[in-house]
Amino acid sequence: MQNEQPSSRSRGLQCIALTLVLGLLGGCAAPGAWLGSGSEAEPAGALSPREAALQRLHAAVQASQPGQTRPSEARRQLERLLADDSPDARVHHPYARALLAQIRERQRLAAQLERLERELATHDQALADSERRAAELQRKLDALTAIERRLAPRPLPPAPAGTDAPAQ
Protein backbone atom coordinates (compact mmCIF):
# COMPACT_ATOMS: atom_id res chain seq x y z
CA MET A 1 0.00 0.00 0.00
CA GLN A 2 1.33 3.31 -1.02
CA ASN A 3 0.01 6.05 1.12
CA GLU A 4 2.51 8.74 0.17
CA GLN A 5 2.09 12.45 -0.19
CA PRO A 6 2.09 13.68 -3.82
CA SER A 7 5.56 14.64 -4.88
CA SER A 8 6.60 18.23 -5.28
CA ARG A 9 6.78 17.72 -9.03
CA SER A 10 3.24 16.37 -9.31
CA ARG A 11 1.92 19.23 -7.16
CA GLY A 12 3.73 21.67 -9.44
CA LEU A 13 2.19 20.03 -12.48
CA GLN A 14 -1.23 20.20 -10.86
CA CYS A 15 -0.74 23.90 -10.17
CA ILE A 16 0.32 24.47 -13.77
CA ALA A 17 -2.65 22.54 -15.09
CA LEU A 18 -4.95 24.55 -12.85
CA THR A 19 -3.35 27.79 -14.04
CA LEU A 20 -3.78 26.84 -17.67
CA VAL A 21 -7.41 25.86 -17.15
CA LEU A 22 -8.04 29.14 -15.38
CA GLY A 23 -6.28 30.96 -18.19
CA LEU A 24 -8.46 29.26 -20.75
CA LEU A 25 -11.51 30.37 -18.86
CA GLY A 26 -10.11 33.86 -19.37
CA GLY A 27 -12.83 36.29 -18.58
CA CYS A 28 -14.52 34.33 -15.82
CA ALA A 29 -12.80 36.30 -13.10
CA ALA A 30 -11.30 39.73 -13.26
CA PRO A 31 -7.51 39.68 -12.93
CA GLY A 32 -7.82 41.94 -9.91
CA ALA A 33 -9.62 39.20 -8.01
CA TRP A 34 -6.58 36.96 -8.34
CA LEU A 35 -4.00 39.63 -8.01
CA GLY A 36 -5.14 41.53 -4.99
CA SER A 37 -5.52 45.27 -5.30
CA GLY A 38 -2.56 46.04 -7.59
CA SER A 39 -3.16 46.08 -11.31
CA GLU A 40 0.49 45.35 -12.00
CA ALA A 41 0.11 41.87 -10.50
CA GLU A 42 2.86 42.34 -7.96
CA PRO A 43 3.00 39.35 -5.67
CA ALA A 44 2.03 40.22 -2.14
CA GLY A 45 4.75 39.95 0.49
CA ALA A 46 2.93 37.07 2.24
CA LEU A 47 3.04 34.78 -0.79
CA SER A 48 5.44 31.89 -1.01
CA PRO A 49 7.86 31.91 -3.97
CA ARG A 50 5.79 29.16 -5.62
CA GLU A 51 2.57 31.14 -5.21
CA ALA A 52 4.25 34.31 -6.45
CA ALA A 53 5.53 32.55 -9.59
CA LEU A 54 2.14 30.98 -10.17
CA GLN A 55 0.45 34.34 -9.67
CA ARG A 56 2.75 35.97 -12.24
CA LEU A 57 1.99 33.22 -14.74
CA HIS A 58 -1.71 33.55 -14.09
CA ALA A 59 -1.61 37.34 -14.46
CA ALA A 60 0.23 36.95 -17.76
CA VAL A 61 -2.32 34.40 -19.00
CA GLN A 62 -5.17 36.73 -18.05
CA ALA A 63 -3.57 39.75 -19.70
CA SER A 64 -2.71 37.83 -22.86
CA GLN A 65 -6.20 36.56 -23.61
CA PRO A 66 -7.37 37.42 -27.14
CA GLY A 67 -9.53 40.47 -26.90
CA GLN A 68 -7.54 41.89 -24.01
CA THR A 69 -5.68 45.10 -24.68
CA ARG A 70 -2.84 44.42 -22.28
CA PRO A 71 -0.23 42.32 -24.12
CA SER A 72 2.59 44.53 -22.86
CA GLU A 73 1.55 43.80 -19.27
CA ALA A 74 1.53 40.08 -20.06
CA ARG A 75 5.00 40.35 -21.60
CA ARG A 76 6.32 42.16 -18.53
CA GLN A 77 4.93 39.50 -16.20
CA LEU A 78 6.37 36.68 -18.29
CA GLU A 79 9.77 38.35 -18.60
CA ARG A 80 9.85 38.86 -14.83
CA LEU A 81 8.89 35.21 -14.31
CA LEU A 82 11.64 34.10 -16.70
CA ALA A 83 14.13 36.35 -14.93
CA ASP A 84 13.31 34.67 -11.61
CA ASP A 85 15.72 31.76 -11.35
CA SER A 86 14.26 30.18 -8.24
CA PRO A 87 13.31 26.50 -8.49
CA ASP A 88 9.65 27.37 -7.99
CA ALA A 89 9.72 29.81 -10.89
CA ARG A 90 11.77 27.52 -13.16
CA VAL A 91 8.92 25.01 -13.05
CA HIS A 92 6.82 27.59 -14.95
CA HIS A 93 9.51 28.69 -17.41
CA PRO A 94 8.49 26.37 -20.31
CA TYR A 95 4.92 27.64 -20.13
CA ALA A 96 6.06 31.23 -19.78
CA ARG A 97 8.35 30.89 -22.83
CA ALA A 98 5.54 29.37 -24.91
CA LEU A 99 3.09 32.07 -23.88
CA LEU A 100 5.66 34.80 -24.47
CA ALA A 101 6.29 33.45 -27.98
CA GLN A 102 2.54 33.53 -28.67
CA ILE A 103 2.24 37.08 -27.40
CA ARG A 104 5.19 38.23 -29.50
CA GLU A 105 3.69 36.55 -32.57
CA ARG A 106 0.31 38.18 -31.91
CA GLN A 107 1.97 41.58 -31.53
CA ARG A 108 3.98 41.03 -34.74
CA LEU A 109 0.83 40.05 -36.62
CA ALA A 110 -1.08 43.03 -35.21
CA ALA A 111 1.68 45.38 -36.37
CA GLN A 112 1.69 43.71 -39.78
CA LEU A 113 -2.10 44.04 -39.98
CA GLU A 114 -1.88 47.76 -39.20
CA ARG A 115 0.82 48.22 -41.87
CA LEU A 116 -1.24 46.32 -44.45
CA GLU A 117 -4.36 48.34 -43.58
CA ARG A 118 -2.39 51.57 -44.11
CA GLU A 119 -1.11 50.25 -47.45
CA LEU A 120 -4.63 49.26 -48.46
CA ALA A 121 -5.93 52.73 -47.63
CA THR A 122 -3.11 54.25 -49.71
CA HIS A 123 -3.90 51.94 -52.63
CA ASP A 124 -7.62 52.68 -52.33
CA GLN A 125 -6.87 56.40 -52.52
CA ALA A 126 -4.58 55.88 -55.54
CA LEU A 127 -7.28 53.80 -57.24
CA ALA A 128 -9.89 56.50 -56.64
CA ASP A 129 -7.51 59.13 -58.07
CA SER A 130 -6.81 56.96 -61.11
CA GLU A 131 -10.52 56.40 -61.70
CA ARG A 132 -11.15 60.17 -61.52
CA ARG A 133 -8.32 60.84 -64.00
CA ALA A 134 -9.58 58.11 -66.33
CA ALA A 135 -13.11 59.55 -66.26
CA GLU A 136 -11.76 63.06 -66.94
CA LEU A 137 -9.61 61.84 -69.82
CA GLN A 138 -12.56 59.91 -71.27
CA ARG A 139 -14.67 63.10 -71.22
CA LYS A 140 -11.90 64.99 -73.01
CA LEU A 141 -11.55 62.20 -75.57
CA ASP A 142 -15.30 62.20 -76.20
CA ALA A 143 -15.22 66.00 -76.65
CA LEU A 144 -12.35 65.70 -79.17
CA THR A 145 -14.22 62.97 -81.06
CA ALA A 146 -17.29 65.23 -81.30
CA ILE A 147 -15.14 68.12 -82.61
CA GLU A 148 -13.53 65.85 -85.21
CA ARG A 149 -16.94 64.74 -86.45
CA ARG A 150 -17.99 68.34 -86.97
CA LEU A 151 -14.78 69.25 -88.77
CA ALA A 152 -14.64 66.20 -91.06
CA PRO A 153 -14.78 67.20 -94.76
CA ARG A 154 -18.08 66.60 -96.43
CA PRO A 155 -17.96 64.07 -99.21
CA LEU A 156 -17.75 65.75 -102.67
CA PRO A 157 -20.97 65.69 -104.67
CA PRO A 158 -20.85 63.21 -107.52
CA ALA A 159 -19.67 64.64 -110.83
CA PRO A 160 -22.35 65.15 -113.53
CA ALA A 161 -22.58 62.39 -116.09
CA GLY A 162 -20.58 62.82 -119.31
CA THR A 163 -17.94 64.96 -117.78
CA ASP A 164 -15.71 62.08 -116.98
CA ALA A 165 -13.06 63.06 -119.47
CA PRO A 166 -10.95 66.02 -118.76
CA ALA A 167 -11.25 68.88 -121.17
CA GLN A 168 -8.42 69.28 -123.69
C-alpha atoms as a PDB file:
ATOM      1  CA  MET A   1       0.000   0.000   0.000  1.00  0.00           C
ATOM      2  CA  GLN A   2       1.330   3.305  -1.020  1.00  0.00           C
ATOM      3  CA  ASN A   3       0.012   6.052   1.122  1.00  0.00           C
ATOM      4  CA  GLU A   4       2.505   8.744   0.166  1.00  0.00           C
ATOM      5  CA  GLN A   5       2.086  12.446  -0.194  1.00  0.00           C
ATOM      6  CA  PRO A   6       2.091  13.677  -3.817  1.00  0.00           C
ATOM      7  CA  SER A   7       5.559  14.637  -4.881  1.00  0.00           C
ATOM      8  CA  SER A   8       6.604  18.230  -5.282  1.00  0.00           C
ATOM      9  CA  ARG A   9       6.785  17.717  -9.033  1.00  0.00           C
ATOM     10  CA  SER A  10       3.238  16.369  -9.314  1.00  0.00           C
ATOM     11  CA  ARG A  11       1.925  19.231  -7.158  1.00  0.00           C
ATOM     12  CA  GLY A  12       3.732  21.668  -9.443  1.00  0.00           C
ATOM     13  CA  LEU A  13       2.187  20.027 -12.482  1.00  0.00           C
ATOM     14  CA  GLN A  14      -1.232  20.196 -10.861  1.00  0.00           C
ATOM     15  CA  CYS A  15      -0.741  23.900 -10.173  1.00  0.00           C
ATOM     16  CA  ILE A  16       0.324  24.472 -13.768  1.00  0.00           C
ATOM     17  CA  ALA A  17      -2.653  22.544 -15.087  1.00  0.00           C
ATOM     18  CA  LEU A  18      -4.948  24.553 -12.846  1.00  0.00           C
ATOM     19  CA  THR A  19      -3.355  27.787 -14.045  1.00  0.00           C
ATOM     20  CA  LEU A  20      -3.777  26.845 -17.672  1.00  0.00           C
ATOM     21  CA  VAL A  21      -7.411  25.860 -17.148  1.00  0.00           C
ATOM     22  CA  LEU A  22      -8.040  29.143 -15.376  1.00  0.00           C
ATOM     23  CA  GLY A  23      -6.279  30.957 -18.190  1.00  0.00           C
ATOM     24  CA  LEU A  24      -8.465  29.263 -20.750  1.00  0.00           C
ATOM     25  CA  LEU A  25     -11.512  30.371 -18.857  1.00  0.00           C
ATOM     26  CA  GLY A  26     -10.110  33.864 -19.373  1.00  0.00           C
ATOM     27  CA  GLY A  27     -12.827  36.288 -18.582  1.00  0.00           C
ATOM     28  CA  CYS A  28     -14.525  34.326 -15.815  1.00  0.00           C
ATOM     29  CA  ALA A  29     -12.795  36.302 -13.103  1.00  0.00           C
ATOM     30  CA  ALA A  30     -11.304  39.726 -13.261  1.00  0.00           C
ATOM     31  CA  PRO A  31      -7.511  39.679 -12.931  1.00  0.00           C
ATOM     32  CA  GLY A  32      -7.819  41.939  -9.905  1.00  0.00           C
ATOM     33  CA  ALA A  33      -9.621  39.203  -8.009  1.00  0.00           C
ATOM     34  CA  TRP A  34      -6.580  36.961  -8.341  1.00  0.00           C
ATOM     35  CA  LEU A  35      -4.000  39.635  -8.009  1.00  0.00           C
ATOM     36  CA  GLY A  36      -5.143  41.533  -4.986  1.00  0.00           C
ATOM     37  CA  SER A  37      -5.518  45.270  -5.296  1.00  0.00           C
ATOM     38  CA  GLY A  38      -2.559  46.035  -7.586  1.00  0.00           C
ATOM     39  CA  SER A  39      -3.159  46.083 -11.313  1.00  0.00           C
ATOM     40  CA  GLU A  40       0.490  45.350 -12.004  1.00  0.00           C
ATOM     41  CA  ALA A  41       0.114  41.870 -10.503  1.00  0.00           C
ATOM     42  CA  GLU A  42       2.857  42.342  -7.956  1.00  0.00           C
ATOM     43  CA  PRO A  43       2.995  39.351  -5.671  1.00  0.00           C
ATOM     44  CA  ALA A  44       2.035  40.216  -2.136  1.00  0.00           C
ATOM     45  CA  GLY A  45       4.750  39.950   0.490  1.00  0.00           C
ATOM     46  CA  ALA A  46       2.929  37.071   2.243  1.00  0.00           C
ATOM     47  CA  LEU A  47       3.035  34.782  -0.785  1.00  0.00           C
ATOM     48  CA  SER A  48       5.445  31.894  -1.012  1.00  0.00           C
ATOM     49  CA  PRO A  49       7.857  31.907  -3.965  1.00  0.00           C
ATOM     50  CA  ARG A  50       5.795  29.156  -5.618  1.00  0.00           C
ATOM     51  CA  GLU A  51       2.571  31.136  -5.212  1.00  0.00           C
ATOM     52  CA  ALA A  52       4.252  34.309  -6.450  1.00  0.00           C
ATOM     53  CA  ALA A  53       5.530  32.547  -9.594  1.00  0.00           C
ATOM     54  CA  LEU A  54       2.141  30.978 -10.175  1.00  0.00           C
ATOM     55  CA  GLN A  55       0.454  34.340  -9.666  1.00  0.00           C
ATOM     56  CA  ARG A  56       2.750  35.974 -12.243  1.00  0.00           C
ATOM     57  CA  LEU A  57       1.990  33.225 -14.745  1.00  0.00           C
ATOM     58  CA  HIS A  58      -1.714  33.549 -14.094  1.00  0.00           C
ATOM     59  CA  ALA A  59      -1.605  37.340 -14.462  1.00  0.00           C
ATOM     60  CA  ALA A  60       0.225  36.951 -17.763  1.00  0.00           C
ATOM     61  CA  VAL A  61      -2.321  34.403 -18.995  1.00  0.00           C
ATOM     62  CA  GLN A  62      -5.173  36.733 -18.053  1.00  0.00           C
ATOM     63  CA  ALA A  63      -3.571  39.751 -19.703  1.00  0.00           C
ATOM     64  CA  SER A  64      -2.711  37.830 -22.860  1.00  0.00           C
ATOM     65  CA  GLN A  65      -6.198  36.557 -23.607  1.00  0.00           C
ATOM     66  CA  PRO A  66      -7.368  37.416 -27.137  1.00  0.00           C
ATOM     67  CA  GLY A  67      -9.530  40.472 -26.905  1.00  0.00           C
ATOM     68  CA  GLN A  68      -7.544  41.892 -24.007  1.00  0.00           C
ATOM     69  CA  THR A  69      -5.678  45.100 -24.679  1.00  0.00           C
ATOM     70  CA  ARG A  70      -2.838  44.415 -22.281  1.00  0.00           C
ATOM     71  CA  PRO A  71      -0.232  42.318 -24.121  1.00  0.00           C
ATOM     72  CA  SER A  72       2.592  44.529 -22.859  1.00  0.00           C
ATOM     73  CA  GLU A  73       1.549  43.803 -19.267  1.00  0.00           C
ATOM     74  CA  ALA A  74       1.532  40.081 -20.057  1.00  0.00           C
ATOM     75  CA  ARG A  75       5.000  40.354 -21.603  1.00  0.00           C
ATOM     76  CA  ARG A  76       6.323  42.158 -18.527  1.00  0.00           C
ATOM     77  CA  GLN A  77       4.932  39.498 -16.199  1.00  0.00           C
ATOM     78  CA  LEU A  78       6.373  36.675 -18.287  1.00  0.00           C
ATOM     79  CA  GLU A  79       9.768  38.353 -18.600  1.00  0.00           C
ATOM     80  CA  ARG A  80       9.852  38.856 -14.827  1.00  0.00           C
ATOM     81  CA  LEU A  81       8.888  35.211 -14.306  1.00  0.00           C
ATOM     82  CA  LEU A  82      11.635  34.096 -16.701  1.00  0.00           C
ATOM     83  CA  ALA A  83      14.134  36.355 -14.929  1.00  0.00           C
ATOM     84  CA  ASP A  84      13.309  34.667 -11.613  1.00  0.00           C
ATOM     85  CA  ASP A  85      15.722  31.758 -11.351  1.00  0.00           C
ATOM     86  CA  SER A  86      14.261  30.183  -8.239  1.00  0.00           C
ATOM     87  CA  PRO A  87      13.313  26.504  -8.487  1.00  0.00           C
ATOM     88  CA  ASP A  88       9.653  27.366  -7.988  1.00  0.00           C
ATOM     89  CA  ALA A  89       9.719  29.809 -10.894  1.00  0.00           C
ATOM     90  CA  ARG A  90      11.774  27.519 -13.155  1.00  0.00           C
ATOM     91  CA  VAL A  91       8.918  25.015 -13.054  1.00  0.00           C
ATOM     92  CA  HIS A  92       6.820  27.592 -14.951  1.00  0.00           C
ATOM     93  CA  HIS A  93       9.514  28.688 -17.409  1.00  0.00           C
ATOM     94  CA  PRO A  94       8.489  26.373 -20.309  1.00  0.00           C
ATOM     95  CA  TYR A  95       4.922  27.644 -20.133  1.00  0.00           C
ATOM     96  CA  ALA A  96       6.065  31.225 -19.780  1.00  0.00           C
ATOM     97  CA  ARG A  97       8.348  30.889 -22.832  1.00  0.00           C
ATOM     98  CA  ALA A  98       5.541  29.374 -24.909  1.00  0.00           C
ATOM     99  CA  LEU A  99       3.088  32.073 -23.882  1.00  0.00           C
ATOM    100  CA  LEU A 100       5.658  34.803 -24.468  1.00  0.00           C
ATOM    101  CA  ALA A 101       6.293  33.447 -27.982  1.00  0.00           C
ATOM    102  CA  GLN A 102       2.540  33.531 -28.666  1.00  0.00           C
ATOM    103  CA  ILE A 103       2.244  37.083 -27.404  1.00  0.00           C
ATOM    104  CA  ARG A 104       5.193  38.227 -29.505  1.00  0.00           C
ATOM    105  CA  GLU A 105       3.691  36.548 -32.569  1.00  0.00           C
ATOM    106  CA  ARG A 106       0.311  38.178 -31.913  1.00  0.00           C
ATOM    107  CA  GLN A 107       1.971  41.580 -31.533  1.00  0.00           C
ATOM    108  CA  ARG A 108       3.984  41.025 -34.739  1.00  0.00           C
ATOM    109  CA  LEU A 109       0.831  40.052 -36.617  1.00  0.00           C
ATOM    110  CA  ALA A 110      -1.078  43.032 -35.209  1.00  0.00           C
ATOM    111  CA  ALA A 111       1.681  45.379 -36.375  1.00  0.00           C
ATOM    112  CA  GLN A 112       1.691  43.710 -39.783  1.00  0.00           C
ATOM    113  CA  LEU A 113      -2.097  44.044 -39.980  1.00  0.00           C
ATOM    114  CA  GLU A 114      -1.876  47.762 -39.201  1.00  0.00           C
ATOM    115  CA  ARG A 115       0.818  48.224 -41.872  1.00  0.00           C
ATOM    116  CA  LEU A 116      -1.244  46.321 -44.446  1.00  0.00           C
ATOM    117  CA  GLU A 117      -4.358  48.341 -43.583  1.00  0.00           C
ATOM    118  CA  ARG A 118      -2.393  51.573 -44.114  1.00  0.00           C
ATOM    119  CA  GLU A 119      -1.106  50.253 -47.446  1.00  0.00           C
ATOM    120  CA  LEU A 120      -4.627  49.258 -48.460  1.00  0.00           C
ATOM    121  CA  ALA A 121      -5.926  52.730 -47.628  1.00  0.00           C
ATOM    122  CA  THR A 122      -3.113  54.254 -49.708  1.00  0.00           C
ATOM    123  CA  HIS A 123      -3.897  51.938 -52.632  1.00  0.00           C
ATOM    124  CA  ASP A 124      -7.618  52.683 -52.330  1.00  0.00           C
ATOM    125  CA  GLN A 125      -6.869  56.397 -52.524  1.00  0.00           C
ATOM    126  CA  ALA A 126      -4.582  55.884 -55.539  1.00  0.00           C
ATOM    127  CA  LEU A 127      -7.282  53.800 -57.242  1.00  0.00           C
ATOM    128  CA  ALA A 128      -9.893  56.503 -56.644  1.00  0.00           C
ATOM    129  CA  ASP A 129      -7.507  59.130 -58.071  1.00  0.00           C
ATOM    130  CA  SER A 130      -6.810  56.958 -61.109  1.00  0.00           C
ATOM    131  CA  GLU A 131     -10.523  56.404 -61.702  1.00  0.00           C
ATOM    132  CA  ARG A 132     -11.147  60.168 -61.525  1.00  0.00           C
ATOM    133  CA  ARG A 133      -8.321  60.842 -63.996  1.00  0.00           C
ATOM    134  CA  ALA A 134      -9.584  58.113 -66.327  1.00  0.00           C
ATOM    135  CA  ALA A 135     -13.110  59.553 -66.265  1.00  0.00           C
ATOM    136  CA  GLU A 136     -11.761  63.064 -66.936  1.00  0.00           C
ATOM    137  CA  LEU A 137      -9.608  61.837 -69.816  1.00  0.00           C
ATOM    138  CA  GLN A 138     -12.556  59.913 -71.273  1.00  0.00           C
ATOM    139  CA  ARG A 139     -14.673  63.102 -71.219  1.00  0.00           C
ATOM    140  CA  LYS A 140     -11.896  64.988 -73.006  1.00  0.00           C
ATOM    141  CA  LEU A 141     -11.549  62.204 -75.574  1.00  0.00           C
ATOM    142  CA  ASP A 142     -15.302  62.204 -76.195  1.00  0.00           C
ATOM    143  CA  ALA A 143     -15.221  65.995 -76.654  1.00  0.00           C
ATOM    144  CA  LEU A 144     -12.354  65.702 -79.169  1.00  0.00           C
ATOM    145  CA  THR A 145     -14.225  62.974 -81.063  1.00  0.00           C
ATOM    146  CA  ALA A 146     -17.285  65.230 -81.298  1.00  0.00           C
ATOM    147  CA  ILE A 147     -15.141  68.119 -82.607  1.00  0.00           C
ATOM    148  CA  GLU A 148     -13.526  65.848 -85.206  1.00  0.00           C
ATOM    149  CA  ARG A 149     -16.936  64.738 -86.454  1.00  0.00           C
ATOM    150  CA  ARG A 150     -17.991  68.338 -86.968  1.00  0.00           C
ATOM    151  CA  LEU A 151     -14.782  69.246 -88.767  1.00  0.00           C
ATOM    152  CA  ALA A 152     -14.637  66.203 -91.064  1.00  0.00           C
ATOM    153  CA  PRO A 153     -14.783  67.198 -94.758  1.00  0.00           C
ATOM    154  CA  ARG A 154     -18.084  66.604 -96.427  1.00  0.00           C
ATOM    155  CA  PRO A 155     -17.962  64.070 -99.211  1.00  0.00           C
ATOM    156  CA  LEU A 156     -17.752  65.752-102.671  1.00  0.00           C
ATOM    157  CA  PRO A 157     -20.969  65.691-104.672  1.00  0.00           C
ATOM    158  CA  PRO A 158     -20.850  63.210-107.524  1.00  0.00           C
ATOM    159  CA  ALA A 159     -19.667  64.640-110.831  1.00  0.00           C
ATOM    160  CA  PRO A 160     -22.353  65.149-113.532  1.00  0.00           C
ATOM    161  CA  ALA A 161     -22.583  62.386-116.091  1.00  0.00           C
ATOM    162  CA  GLY A 162     -20.581  62.815-119.315  1.00  0.00           C
ATOM    163  CA  THR A 163     -17.939  64.958-117.780  1.00  0.00           C
ATOM    164  CA  ASP A 164     -15.711  62.083-116.981  1.00  0.00           C
ATOM    165  CA  ALA A 165     -13.058  63.057-119.473  1.00  0.00           C
ATOM    166  CA  PRO A 166     -10.952  66.020-118.759  1.00  0.00           C
ATOM    167  CA  ALA A 167     -11.253  68.882-121.172  1.00  0.00           C
ATOM    168  CA  GLN A 168      -8.421  69.281-123.687  1.00  0.00           C
END
